[in-house]
Amino acid sequence: MVGRLPANDATLIVMLAGISSGIGLLGNIWLAGIFMMLFFPMNLWLVAILLMLIWLAGQQISNRFEKIRQPMKAGGVADDRD
């Protein structure tokens, strides 16, 4: 696994944690990701872009489930979690 990664493990882990934290704090995937990419080697940029795309896909899936769940709440369906 280590041989397949474009840089050493420590740099990769710091980049992934930094981009994830930046996205969480700023709330904007592309702004945080691109800003953080500037601080890391170019050979890790592909991994950073993949992380941003995965985060974006997860956000869209979450929004889709929330849209499905809202009409069920309004329709009188009992929800034990609320």
C-alpha atoms as a PDB file:
ATOM      1  CA  MET A   1       0.000   0.000   0.000  1.00  0.00           C
ATOM      2  CA  VAL A   2       2.783   2.427   0.864  1.00  0.00           C
ATOM      3  CA  GLY A   3       4.409   1.986  -2.533  1.00  0.00           C
ATOM      4  CA  ARG A   4       1.246   3.062  -4.329  1.00  0.00           C
ATOM      5  CA  LEU A   5       0.867   6.395  -2.534  1.00  0.00           C
ATOM      6  CA  PRO A   6       2.495   9.442  -4.149  1.00  0.00           C
ATOM      7  CA  ALA A   7       4.222  10.657  -0.973  1.00  0.00           C
ATOM      8  CA  ASN A   8       5.142   9.429   2.475  1.00  0.00           C
ATOM      9  CA  ASP A   9       2.384   8.524   4.894  1.00  0.00           C
ATOM     10  CA  ALA A  10       2.841  11.428   7.308  1.00  0.00           C
ATOM     11  CA  THR A  11       2.426  14.094   4.626  1.00  0.00           C
ATOM     12  CA  LEU A  12      -0.605  12.334   3.186  1.00  0.00           C
ATOM     13  CA  ILE A  13      -2.292  11.998   6.577  1.00  0.00           C
ATOM     14  CA  VAL A  14      -1.610  15.636   7.486  1.00  0.00           C
ATOM     15  CA  MET A  15      -3.017  16.772   4.130  1.00  0.00           C
ATOM     16  CA  LEU A  16      -6.188  14.682   4.437  1.00  0.00           C
ATOM     17  CA  ALA A  17      -6.788  15.828   8.021  1.00  0.00           C
ATOM     18  CA  GLY A  18      -6.095  19.454   7.093  1.00  0.00           C
ATOM     19  CA  ILE A  19      -8.423  19.480   4.109  1.00  0.00           C
ATOM     20  CA  SER A  20     -11.171  17.695   6.040  1.00  0.00           C
ATOM     21  CA  SER A  21     -10.854  20.131   8.934  1.00  0.00           C
ATOM     22  CA  GLY A  22     -10.824  23.098   6.577  1.00  0.00           C
ATOM     23  CA  ILE A  23     -13.952  21.897   4.802  1.00  0.00           C
ATOM     24  CA  GLY A  24     -15.689  21.381   8.132  1.00  0.00           C
ATOM     25  CA  LEU A  25     -14.710  24.820   9.427  1.00  0.00           C
ATOM     26  CA  LEU A  26     -15.255  26.871   6.284  1.00  0.00           C
ATOM     27  CA  GLY A  27     -18.232  24.965   4.950  1.00  0.00           C
ATOM     28  CA  ASN A  28     -17.025  25.373   1.364  1.00  0.00           C
ATOM     29  CA  ILE A  29     -15.446  22.289  -0.160  1.00  0.00           C
ATOM     30  CA  TRP A  30     -13.611  23.920  -3.062  1.00  0.00           C
ATOM     31  CA  LEU A  31     -12.337  26.994  -1.196  1.00  0.00           C
ATOM     32  CA  ALA A  32     -10.889  24.955   1.663  1.00  0.00           C
ATOM     33  CA  GLY A  33      -9.528  22.216  -0.599  1.00  0.00           C
ATOM     34  CA  ILE A  34      -7.793  24.478  -3.077  1.00  0.00           C
ATOM     35  CA  PHE A  35      -6.360  26.702  -0.338  1.00  0.00           C
ATOM     36  CA  MET A  36      -4.959  23.700   1.542  1.00  0.00           C
ATOM     37  CA  MET A  37      -3.584  22.117  -1.643  1.00  0.00           C
ATOM     38  CA  LEU A  38      -1.234  25.070  -2.028  1.00  0.00           C
ATOM     39  CA  PHE A  39       0.659  23.966   1.093  1.00  0.00           C
ATOM     40  CA  PHE A  40       1.373  20.422  -0.093  1.00  0.00           C
ATOM     41  CA  PRO A  41       3.422  18.877  -2.918  1.00  0.00           C
ATOM     42  CA  MET A  42       1.858  18.729  -6.366  1.00  0.00           C
ATOM     43  CA  ASN A  43       2.034  14.937  -6.450  1.00  0.00           C
ATOM     44  CA  LEU A  44      -0.624  14.883  -3.689  1.00  0.00           C
ATOM     45  CA  TRP A  45      -3.064  17.199  -5.476  1.00  0.00           C
ATOM     46  CA  LEU A  46      -4.839  14.316  -7.185  1.00  0.00           C
ATOM     47  CA  VAL A  47      -5.518  12.726  -3.797  1.00  0.00           C
ATOM     48  CA  ALA A  48      -6.816  16.078  -2.512  1.00  0.00           C
ATOM     49  CA  ILE A  49      -9.150  16.464  -5.487  1.00  0.00           C
ATOM     50  CA  LEU A  50     -10.432  12.923  -4.965  1.00  0.00           C
ATOM     51  CA  LEU A  51     -11.090  13.726  -1.301  1.00  0.00           C
ATOM     52  CA  MET A  52     -13.061  16.843  -2.282  1.00  0.00           C
ATOM     53  CA  LEU A  53     -15.106  14.875  -4.832  1.00  0.00           C
ATOM     54  CA  ILE A  54     -15.870  12.158  -2.281  1.00  0.00           C
ATOM     55  CA  TRP A  55     -16.895  14.816   0.259  1.00  0.00           C
ATOM     56  CA  LEU A  56     -19.127  16.478  -2.362  1.00  0.00           C
ATOM     57  CA  ALA A  57     -20.748  13.151  -3.267  1.00  0.00           C
ATOM     58  CA  GLY A  58     -21.393  12.415   0.393  1.00  0.00           C
ATOM     59  CA  GLN A  59     -22.974  15.837   0.839  1.00  0.00           C
ATOM     60  CA  GLN A  60     -25.277  15.303  -2.140  1.00  0.00           C
ATOM     61  CA  ILE A  61     -26.318  11.866  -0.911  1.00  0.00           C
ATOM     62  CA  SER A  62     -27.028  13.302   2.525  1.00  0.00           C
ATOM     63  CA  ASN A  63     -29.125  16.107   1.011  1.00  0.00           C
ATOM     64  CA  ARG A  64     -31.070  13.595  -1.086  1.00  0.00           C
ATOM     65  CA  PHE A  65     -31.924  11.503   1.979  1.00  0.00           C
ATOM     66  CA  GLU A  66     -32.920  14.644   3.901  1.00  0.00           C
ATOM     67  CA  LYS A  67     -35.316  15.629   1.092  1.00  0.00           C
ATOM     68  CA  ILE A  68     -36.862  12.165   1.227  1.00  0.00           C
ATOM     69  CA  ARG A  69     -37.147  12.267   5.014  1.00  0.00           C
ATOM     70  CA  GLN A  70     -38.813  15.714   5.267  1.00  0.00           C
ATOM     71  CA  PRO A  71     -42.092  14.767   3.494  1.00  0.00           C
ATOM     72  CA  MET A  72     -42.352  11.697   5.735  1.00  0.00           C
ATOM     73  CA  LYS A  73     -42.170  13.944   8.826  1.00  0.00           C
ATOM     74  CA  ALA A  74     -44.745  16.380   7.425  1.00  0.00           C
ATOM     75  CA  GLY A  75     -47.076  13.536   6.463  1.00  0.00           C
ATOM     76  CA  GLY A  76     -47.539  12.459  10.062  1.00  0.00           C
ATOM     77  CA  VAL A  77     -45.238   9.466  10.032  1.00  0.00           C
ATOM     78  CA  ALA A  78     -44.029   8.844  13.556  1.00  0.00           C
ATOM     79  CA  ASP A  79     -40.312   9.172  14.075  1.00  0.00           C
ATOM     80  CA  ASP A  80     -38.988   7.882  17.386  1.00  0.00           C
ATOM     81  CA  ARG A  81     -35.658   9.682  17.056  1.00  0.00           C
ATOM     82  CA  ASP A  82     -37.104  13.218  17.365  1.00  0.00           C
END
